[in-house]
Protein backbone atom coordinates (compact mmCIF):
# COMPACT_ATOMS: atom_id res chain seq x y z
CA MET A 1 41.91 151.02 -172.45
CA LYS A 2 41.26 150.76 -176.39
CA ASP A 3 37.83 152.66 -177.50
CA SER A 4 36.44 149.54 -178.45
CA THR A 5 36.64 147.45 -175.00
CA ARG A 6 35.80 150.66 -173.37
CA PHE A 7 32.43 150.74 -175.62
CA ILE A 8 31.34 146.97 -174.63
CA LEU A 9 32.41 147.78 -171.12
CA LEU A 10 30.17 150.74 -170.87
CA PHE A 11 27.21 149.17 -172.86
CA CYS A 12 27.18 146.35 -170.90
CA LEU A 13 26.96 148.92 -167.87
CA ALA A 14 24.09 150.79 -169.06
CA SER A 15 22.09 147.23 -170.06
CA ILE A 16 22.49 146.75 -166.18
CA ILE A 17 20.66 149.66 -165.57
CA LEU A 18 18.64 149.42 -168.49
CA GLY A 19 17.28 145.81 -166.78
CA VAL A 20 18.61 143.78 -169.41
CA ALA A 21 21.11 140.63 -169.94
CA TYR A 22 24.28 141.47 -171.88
CA TRP A 23 26.36 138.48 -173.72
CA ASN A 24 30.04 139.55 -174.52
CA PRO A 25 30.54 137.76 -178.24
CA ILE A 26 34.27 138.79 -178.34
CA THR A 27 35.30 137.57 -174.74
CA SER A 28 32.32 134.66 -174.50
CA THR A 29 31.78 135.99 -171.29
CA PRO A 30 28.49 135.18 -169.70
CA PRO A 31 25.49 137.70 -169.03
CA CYS A 32 26.88 140.59 -166.75
CA LYS A 33 25.66 140.22 -163.54
CA PRO A 34 24.17 142.63 -161.31
CA LYS A 35 26.21 144.80 -158.79
CA ALA A 36 25.70 144.78 -155.15
CA PRO A 37 23.52 147.41 -154.22
CA ARG A 38 26.50 149.30 -152.51
CA ASP A 39 27.75 149.72 -156.15
CA ASP A 40 24.50 151.07 -157.43
CA ALA A 41 25.75 154.65 -157.03
CA ALA A 42 29.15 154.44 -158.37
CA LEU A 43 27.76 153.10 -161.35
CA VAL A 44 25.73 155.68 -161.48
CA ARG A 45 28.05 158.80 -161.54
CA SER A 46 30.13 155.97 -163.83
CA LEU A 47 27.41 156.32 -166.23
CA LEU A 48 26.77 160.44 -166.01
CA GLY A 49 31.01 161.16 -166.28
CA ASP A 50 30.76 159.33 -169.70
CA ASP A 51 28.12 161.66 -171.18
CA LEU A 52 26.13 158.87 -172.71
CA SER A 53 22.80 160.59 -173.33
CA ASN A 54 25.17 163.01 -175.45
CA ARG A 55 27.07 160.64 -177.66
CA THR A 56 26.19 158.67 -180.69
CA PHE A 57 26.88 154.88 -181.71
CA SER A 58 27.17 153.33 -184.66
CA PHE A 59 24.11 151.17 -184.99
CA ALA A 60 26.33 148.11 -186.61
CA THR A 61 28.62 147.94 -184.08
CA ILE A 62 25.87 147.66 -180.96
CA ALA A 63 23.88 145.12 -183.05
CA GLU A 64 27.95 143.22 -183.14
CA ALA A 65 28.39 143.54 -179.90
CA CYS A 66 25.29 142.41 -178.16
CA SER A 67 24.83 139.42 -181.09
CA GLY A 68 28.33 138.47 -182.47
CA LYS A 69 26.58 139.02 -186.08
CA LYS A 70 27.89 141.17 -188.84
CA VAL A 71 25.40 143.83 -190.18
CA LEU A 72 25.97 144.12 -193.78
CA PRO A 73 25.91 147.11 -195.91
CA LEU A 74 23.57 147.19 -199.09
CA SER A 75 24.69 147.36 -201.80
CA SER A 76 24.52 146.63 -205.73
CA ASN A 77 25.43 142.57 -204.98
CA PRO A 78 22.60 140.65 -207.42
CA ALA A 79 21.00 139.52 -204.48
CA HIS A 80 20.76 142.87 -202.45
CA LEU A 81 19.09 143.98 -205.80
CA ARG A 82 17.08 141.22 -206.03
CA VAL A 83 15.84 141.84 -202.72
CA THR A 84 15.28 145.38 -202.62
CA ALA A 85 13.22 145.10 -205.88
CA ALA A 86 10.85 142.15 -204.18
CA ILE A 87 10.44 144.78 -200.77
CA THR A 88 9.12 147.68 -203.45
CA GLN A 89 6.94 145.20 -204.97
CA ALA A 90 5.71 143.88 -201.85
CA LEU A 91 5.30 147.41 -200.56
CA THR A 92 3.39 147.87 -204.02
CA LEU A 93 1.17 145.82 -203.82
CA THR A 94 0.50 145.95 -199.84
CA LEU A 95 -0.22 149.88 -200.03
CA ALA A 96 -2.61 149.22 -202.71
CA GLU A 97 -4.59 146.15 -200.54
CA ILE A 98 -4.15 148.51 -197.34
CA ASN A 99 -5.60 152.13 -199.53
CA GLN A 100 -8.84 150.18 -200.45
CA PRO A 101 -12.01 152.19 -198.60
CA ASP A 102 -12.99 148.71 -197.02
CA SER A 103 -9.64 148.16 -195.62
CA PRO A 104 -9.76 147.89 -192.07
CA VAL A 105 -6.72 149.99 -191.73
CA ARG A 106 -8.65 152.95 -192.51
CA GLN A 107 -10.22 152.88 -189.39
CA LEU A 108 -7.82 152.61 -186.51
CA ARG A 109 -7.79 154.68 -184.03
CA ARG A 110 -4.69 154.89 -183.60
CA ILE A 111 -1.75 154.83 -186.75
CA ASN A 112 0.87 152.46 -184.20
CA GLU A 113 -2.01 149.70 -184.49
CA ALA A 114 -1.11 149.60 -188.25
CA SER A 115 1.75 148.25 -188.22
CA ARG A 116 0.97 144.77 -188.19
CA PHE A 117 -1.26 144.86 -191.08
CA PHE A 118 1.81 146.41 -193.09
CA GLU A 119 4.23 143.40 -191.61
CA ASP A 120 1.46 140.94 -192.98
CA GLY A 121 1.59 142.15 -196.13
CA ILE A 122 4.85 142.13 -196.90
CA HIS A 123 5.73 138.46 -195.48
CA LYS A 124 2.85 137.05 -197.73
CA HIS A 125 3.53 139.15 -201.19
CA ILE A 126 7.52 138.46 -200.65
CA ASN A 127 6.48 134.70 -199.98
CA GLU A 128 4.24 134.62 -203.41
CA MET A 129 7.90 135.36 -205.09
CA PRO A 130 9.83 132.96 -206.65
CA GLY A 131 13.40 132.34 -204.84
CA LEU A 132 12.51 134.43 -201.59
CA LYS A 133 11.73 133.03 -197.99
CA CYS A 134 10.02 135.72 -195.79
CA ASP A 135 9.11 134.86 -192.02
CA VAL A 136 9.39 136.39 -188.69
CA PRO A 137 13.24 136.02 -186.96
CA PRO A 138 13.78 133.52 -184.50
CA THR A 139 15.31 134.35 -180.89
CA ARG A 140 18.35 133.07 -179.88
CA SER A 141 16.22 130.41 -177.89
CA GLY A 142 14.71 129.27 -181.16
CA GLU A 143 10.95 131.11 -180.92
CA HIS A 144 9.24 133.09 -183.29
CA GLN A 145 7.59 136.13 -181.97
CA ARG A 146 6.80 139.38 -183.37
CA SER A 147 7.57 141.68 -180.81
CA GLY A 148 10.88 143.30 -180.84
CA TYR A 149 13.79 144.46 -184.03
CA PRO A 150 13.43 143.09 -186.15
CA ASP A 151 10.22 142.57 -187.69
CA LEU A 152 10.45 140.40 -190.41
CA ARG A 153 13.60 138.23 -192.05
CA ILE A 154 14.00 137.67 -195.74
CA ILE A 155 16.28 135.10 -196.88
CA ASP A 156 17.14 135.16 -200.57
CA GLU A 157 17.41 131.07 -201.53
CA GLU A 158 19.90 131.72 -204.59
CA SER A 159 22.88 133.28 -202.75
CA ASN A 160 21.31 132.36 -199.12
CA LEU A 161 21.72 135.67 -198.09
CA VAL A 162 19.83 137.29 -194.86
CA PHE A 163 17.66 140.44 -195.17
CA TYR A 164 16.12 141.76 -191.83
CA LEU A 165 13.79 143.93 -192.36
CA ASP A 166 11.53 146.59 -190.04
CA PRO A 167 8.23 148.46 -191.27
CA LYS A 168 7.73 151.59 -189.36
CA LEU A 169 4.80 154.07 -190.02
CA VAL A 170 6.03 157.90 -191.06
CA GLU A 171 3.69 160.83 -190.80
CA GLN A 172 4.14 162.79 -193.79
CA GLY A 173 6.12 166.23 -193.35
CA SER A 174 8.04 164.33 -190.16
CA ALA A 175 10.90 163.16 -191.62
CA GLU A 176 13.07 165.75 -190.56
CA SER A 177 11.78 165.23 -186.57
CA THR A 178 14.07 164.68 -183.83
CA PHE A 179 11.67 162.72 -182.26
CA ARG A 180 12.80 159.11 -180.84
CA THR A 181 11.05 156.47 -183.22
CA PHE A 182 13.68 153.84 -183.81
CA TYR A 183 14.62 151.21 -180.38
CA PHE A 184 16.71 148.29 -179.93
CA GLU A 185 16.42 146.45 -176.93
CA PRO A 186 19.50 144.20 -176.53
CA LYS A 187 18.10 140.95 -174.71
CA ASN A 188 19.97 137.85 -174.37
CA GLU A 189 17.97 134.72 -175.00
CA THR A 190 15.14 136.75 -176.89
CA LEU A 191 17.45 138.65 -179.58
CA LYS A 192 16.26 138.23 -182.53
CA ILE A 193 19.52 139.21 -184.35
CA THR A 194 21.01 135.47 -185.10
CA GLU A 195 22.47 136.02 -188.49
CA ASP A 196 24.94 138.05 -190.23
CA ALA A 197 22.50 140.03 -192.59
CA VAL A 198 21.98 143.41 -194.77
CA HIS A 199 19.54 145.29 -191.71
CA LEU A 200 16.96 147.87 -193.83
CA LEU A 201 14.14 149.77 -192.33
CA VAL A 202 11.04 151.07 -194.29
CA GLY A 203 9.22 154.20 -193.20
CA ILE A 204 5.95 154.12 -194.67
CA GLU A 205 4.39 157.64 -195.23
CA HIS A 206 0.61 158.48 -194.28
CA ASP A 207 -1.58 161.65 -194.18
CA GLY A 208 -1.93 161.91 -190.64
CA LYS A 209 -5.89 161.72 -191.07
CA GLU A 210 -7.15 159.66 -188.31
CA ARG A 211 -9.63 156.74 -188.68
CA ALA A 212 -8.80 157.55 -192.95
CA TRP A 213 -5.38 156.74 -193.06
CA THR A 214 -3.97 156.74 -196.92
CA PHE A 215 -0.49 155.58 -197.23
CA THR A 216 1.17 157.53 -199.79
CA GLY A 217 5.04 156.33 -199.94
CA TRP A 218 7.90 154.73 -198.32
CA ARG A 219 11.58 155.24 -197.58
CA LEU A 220 14.13 152.23 -197.44
CA VAL A 221 16.76 152.76 -194.92
CA ASP A 222 20.09 151.03 -194.76
CA LEU A 223 20.48 150.17 -191.07
CA SER A 224 24.52 150.04 -191.45
CA THR A 225 25.07 153.46 -191.30
CA LEU A 226 22.68 154.26 -188.50
CA GLN A 227 23.89 156.35 -185.66
CA VAL A 228 22.33 155.94 -182.85
CA ARG A 229 21.73 157.30 -179.06
CA LEU A 230 21.42 155.67 -175.38
CA LYS A 231 18.65 156.57 -173.17
CA ALA A 232 19.72 154.77 -169.45
CA GLU A 233 16.43 155.41 -167.79
CA PHE A 234 15.26 153.56 -164.22
CA GLN A 235 11.65 151.81 -164.75
CA ALA A 236 8.76 151.02 -162.60
CA SER A 237 5.45 149.36 -163.54
CA ASN A 238 2.29 149.87 -161.72
CA ALA A 239 2.57 146.65 -160.15
CA ASP A 240 6.08 148.28 -158.24
CA LEU A 241 4.13 150.83 -157.92
CA TYR A 242 0.65 149.95 -156.44
CA GLU A 243 1.30 146.12 -155.16
CA LYS A 244 1.47 147.06 -151.34
CA THR A 245 -1.19 150.41 -151.69
CA GLU A 246 -4.95 150.34 -150.83
CA LEU A 247 -7.02 152.63 -152.62
CA SER A 248 -8.12 155.46 -151.06
CA LEU A 249 -11.80 156.91 -151.42
CA PRO A 250 -13.59 160.55 -150.97
CA GLN A 251 -14.76 161.16 -147.68
CA ASN A 252 -18.24 161.20 -149.63
CA ALA A 253 -18.03 158.21 -151.21
CA ARG A 254 -20.49 155.64 -150.52
């Protein structure tokens, strides 16, 4: 069996465990159907046997396998230079606004809550620039949703090239940390990768001072070279756990 075919089959099996629909753009087959319960043990043994948690995969390969769309590498193409310059300008303006003493971001309890402000700022400032358009990428079903990768879609109108941009927040000094901070969950109808595009991530650094966050700079990453790992996990919600239970109280409770 060829490595590419084996990868797609393994990725499909992992998607079942994660509860995600998967579409094979190479063979145009429907999304993989969950196996019958009697096959569950064999499926788990197959995943364990391939030691997926200790392997790395090309993000570009995974994105194309899920979407049928190519991940284009960042280059010195004039359109690429225009868009990266626009992102730099938009970030410069957004950081200046968010670092103001009266900025609502500086009072946030959790740093993750600040991501939305950066998305909004980049979105606004790029749309102010001639020849560029920025929006929230639509899903396959045509819906515009904020959650899920990627966060922003930029079009260079002269070339009609598409750039996906995903802003992330990074504490100073943690750039070499092995803590997982990038997630991509392949789905079917809600997949937001719908075009061949350059995929970019911008890591925006902050000083870590709670409720007085100051943002100091950013790192622009070309995701066409990113290597990722797969974490297959079994999940249950509170509803799954507690729906058929009753709350017990201490014996002395009234």
